[in-house]
Amino acid sequence: MQIRFHCPNETCVAIIEFEPLEEAGDSIECPRCHTRHKIEATQSVNQAGLLERCPLCSCSEMFVRKDFPQAFGVALVILAGAISFATLKSNSTIAYGVLLLAMFVDFVLYMVVGKMTACYACRAEFREAELNPEHEGFDLATSEKY
């Protein structure tokens, strides 16, 4: 299992990635500020290898989402919209074709890209882990608690 999270140290903005989480021991060191962050990986993963709670913050509320770079998705939509808007006056078939192509690319990416688990409280991301059926999709009301 791979973990990715932002360093909780207020003066550090590093993104910490560690793999495999099962071999991390009781802490992970930030490569930038060298602060050690306590984790409880062995106690938060049950016998089946499912995350029950976050190893960093011990939060039991987690969600499942697609492991897709959101900036790329937004860029794709903006690019398709701009091309479609630019060609709408001269050739509406091309304009609608571009939107249809963007929709098709989005559908293919949706089918190909896997899922990951994330923590509501600290936003840590867990990849290459078994998905816990108790963790559902993102819920805005739960997110607002944190």
Protein backbone atom coordinates (compact mmCIF):
# COMPACT_ATOMS: atom_id res chain seq x y z
CA MET A 1 0.00 0.00 0.00
CA GLN A 2 1.24 3.49 -0.83
CA ILE A 3 0.51 6.58 1.27
CA ARG A 4 0.68 10.19 0.09
CA PHE A 5 0.05 13.16 2.40
CA HIS A 6 1.06 16.76 3.06
CA CYS A 7 3.51 17.31 5.88
CA PRO A 8 1.48 18.48 8.92
CA ASN A 9 4.36 20.75 10.01
CA GLU A 10 3.06 24.33 9.56
CA THR A 11 6.34 25.64 8.14
CA CYS A 12 6.74 22.77 5.65
CA VAL A 13 4.66 22.26 2.51
CA ALA A 14 6.20 18.98 1.36
CA ILE A 15 4.21 16.12 -0.08
CA ILE A 16 5.33 12.87 1.52
CA GLU A 17 5.01 9.59 -0.36
CA PHE A 18 5.90 6.27 1.20
CA GLU A 19 5.61 2.74 -0.09
CA PRO A 20 5.03 0.11 1.16
CA LEU A 21 3.19 1.46 4.17
CA GLU A 22 3.29 -1.93 5.87
CA GLU A 23 7.08 -1.54 6.28
CA ALA A 24 7.03 2.03 7.60
CA GLY A 25 7.31 1.07 11.24
CA ASP A 26 5.95 3.56 13.73
CA SER A 27 6.87 6.81 11.91
CA ILE A 28 7.64 8.39 8.55
CA GLU A 29 10.24 11.14 8.16
CA CYS A 30 9.51 14.21 6.04
CA PRO A 31 12.25 14.53 3.40
CA ARG A 32 12.15 18.32 3.57
CA CYS A 33 11.93 19.33 7.25
CA HIS A 34 13.08 15.94 8.68
CA THR A 35 10.18 15.87 11.15
CA ARG A 36 9.06 12.36 12.06
CA HIS A 37 5.32 11.77 11.78
CA LYS A 38 3.83 9.00 13.89
CA ILE A 39 1.77 6.37 12.09
CA GLU A 40 -0.13 3.34 13.27
CA ALA A 41 -0.16 1.27 10.09
CA THR A 42 -0.29 -2.15 11.68
CA GLN A 43 -3.23 -1.34 13.94
CA SER A 44 -5.31 0.50 11.32
CA VAL A 45 -5.19 -2.31 8.75
CA ASN A 46 -7.33 -5.32 9.65
CA GLN A 47 -6.59 -8.98 8.92
CA ALA A 48 -7.98 -8.75 5.36
CA GLY A 49 -5.70 -5.84 4.52
CA LEU A 50 -8.51 -3.25 4.58
CA LEU A 51 -8.04 0.21 6.05
CA GLU A 52 -10.36 0.69 9.01
CA ARG A 53 -9.00 4.10 10.00
CA CYS A 54 -6.28 6.51 8.92
CA PRO A 55 -2.79 5.51 10.14
CA LEU A 56 -1.81 9.20 10.44
CA CYS A 57 -4.67 10.83 12.31
CA SER A 58 -6.70 7.79 13.47
CA CYS A 59 -9.84 9.16 11.80
CA SER A 60 -12.30 6.38 11.02
CA GLU A 61 -14.16 8.38 8.36
CA MET A 62 -12.63 7.75 4.95
CA PHE A 63 -13.92 7.87 1.37
CA VAL A 64 -13.21 6.17 -1.94
CA ARG A 65 -12.59 8.13 -5.15
CA LYS A 66 -11.05 7.67 -8.58
CA ASP A 67 -7.26 7.92 -8.62
CA PHE A 68 -7.24 10.55 -11.35
CA PRO A 69 -5.39 13.88 -11.43
CA GLN A 70 -8.16 16.45 -11.11
CA ALA A 71 -6.13 19.23 -12.74
CA PHE A 72 -5.86 17.14 -15.91
CA GLY A 73 -9.63 16.60 -15.95
CA VAL A 74 -10.35 20.30 -15.56
CA ALA A 75 -7.79 21.14 -18.28
CA LEU A 76 -9.46 18.65 -20.63
CA VAL A 77 -12.89 20.21 -20.07
CA ILE A 78 -11.57 23.76 -20.53
CA LEU A 79 -9.68 22.83 -23.69
CA ALA A 80 -12.67 21.05 -25.23
CA GLY A 81 -14.96 23.94 -24.30
CA ALA A 82 -12.60 26.53 -25.78
CA ILE A 83 -12.17 24.63 -29.05
CA SER A 84 -15.91 24.02 -29.27
CA PHE A 85 -16.70 27.66 -28.60
CA ALA A 86 -14.13 28.85 -31.17
CA THR A 87 -15.51 26.59 -33.92
CA LEU A 88 -19.22 26.93 -33.11
CA LYS A 89 -19.83 29.89 -35.43
CA SER A 90 -17.92 28.50 -38.41
CA ASN A 91 -18.83 24.81 -38.15
CA SER A 92 -21.25 23.57 -35.52
CA THR A 93 -20.60 19.92 -36.45
CA ILE A 94 -16.94 20.23 -35.44
CA ALA A 95 -17.92 22.12 -32.28
CA TYR A 96 -20.30 19.38 -31.14
CA GLY A 97 -17.86 16.70 -32.33
CA VAL A 98 -15.16 18.11 -30.04
CA LEU A 99 -17.54 17.96 -27.08
CA LEU A 100 -18.54 14.42 -28.00
CA LEU A 101 -14.88 13.42 -28.27
CA ALA A 102 -14.14 14.95 -24.85
CA MET A 103 -17.07 13.00 -23.40
CA PHE A 104 -15.75 9.78 -24.94
CA VAL A 105 -12.21 10.40 -23.60
CA ASP A 106 -13.69 11.10 -20.15
CA PHE A 107 -15.69 7.86 -20.26
CA VAL A 108 -12.64 5.80 -21.29
CA LEU A 109 -10.54 7.35 -18.52
CA TYR A 110 -13.33 6.67 -16.01
CA MET A 111 -13.36 2.99 -16.98
CA VAL A 112 -9.55 2.59 -16.98
CA VAL A 113 -8.49 4.55 -13.89
CA GLY A 114 -8.54 2.69 -10.57
CA LYS A 115 -9.81 3.79 -7.17
CA MET A 116 -8.08 4.91 -3.99
CA THR A 117 -9.05 5.61 -0.39
CA ALA A 118 -8.65 9.04 1.20
CA CYS A 119 -9.05 10.37 4.74
CA TYR A 120 -11.55 13.17 5.41
CA ALA A 121 -9.54 14.67 8.28
CA CYS A 122 -5.94 14.82 6.99
CA ARG A 123 -6.60 14.14 3.27
CA ALA A 124 -4.01 11.35 3.18
CA GLU A 125 -4.35 9.18 0.07
CA PHE A 126 -3.93 5.40 0.11
CA ARG A 127 -3.21 3.66 -3.18
CA GLU A 128 -2.79 0.00 -4.08
CA ALA A 129 -4.91 -1.05 -1.12
CA GLU A 130 -7.95 -3.25 -0.90
CA LEU A 131 -11.08 -1.08 -0.88
CA ASN A 132 -13.06 -1.31 2.33
CA PRO A 133 -16.77 -1.78 1.47
CA GLU A 134 -17.65 0.35 4.52
CA HIS A 135 -16.02 3.39 2.88
CA GLU A 136 -18.33 5.07 0.41
CA GLY A 137 -17.88 7.91 -2.05
CA PHE A 138 -17.13 11.49 -1.02
CA ASP A 139 -19.79 13.13 1.16
CA LEU A 140 -19.77 16.91 1.47
CA ALA A 141 -21.53 16.93 4.85
CA THR A 142 -18.91 14.60 6.33
CA SER A 143 -16.11 16.64 4.76
CA GLU A 144 -17.41 19.85 6.32
CA LYS A 145 -16.98 18.35 9.79
CA TYR A 146 -13.23 18.42 9.22
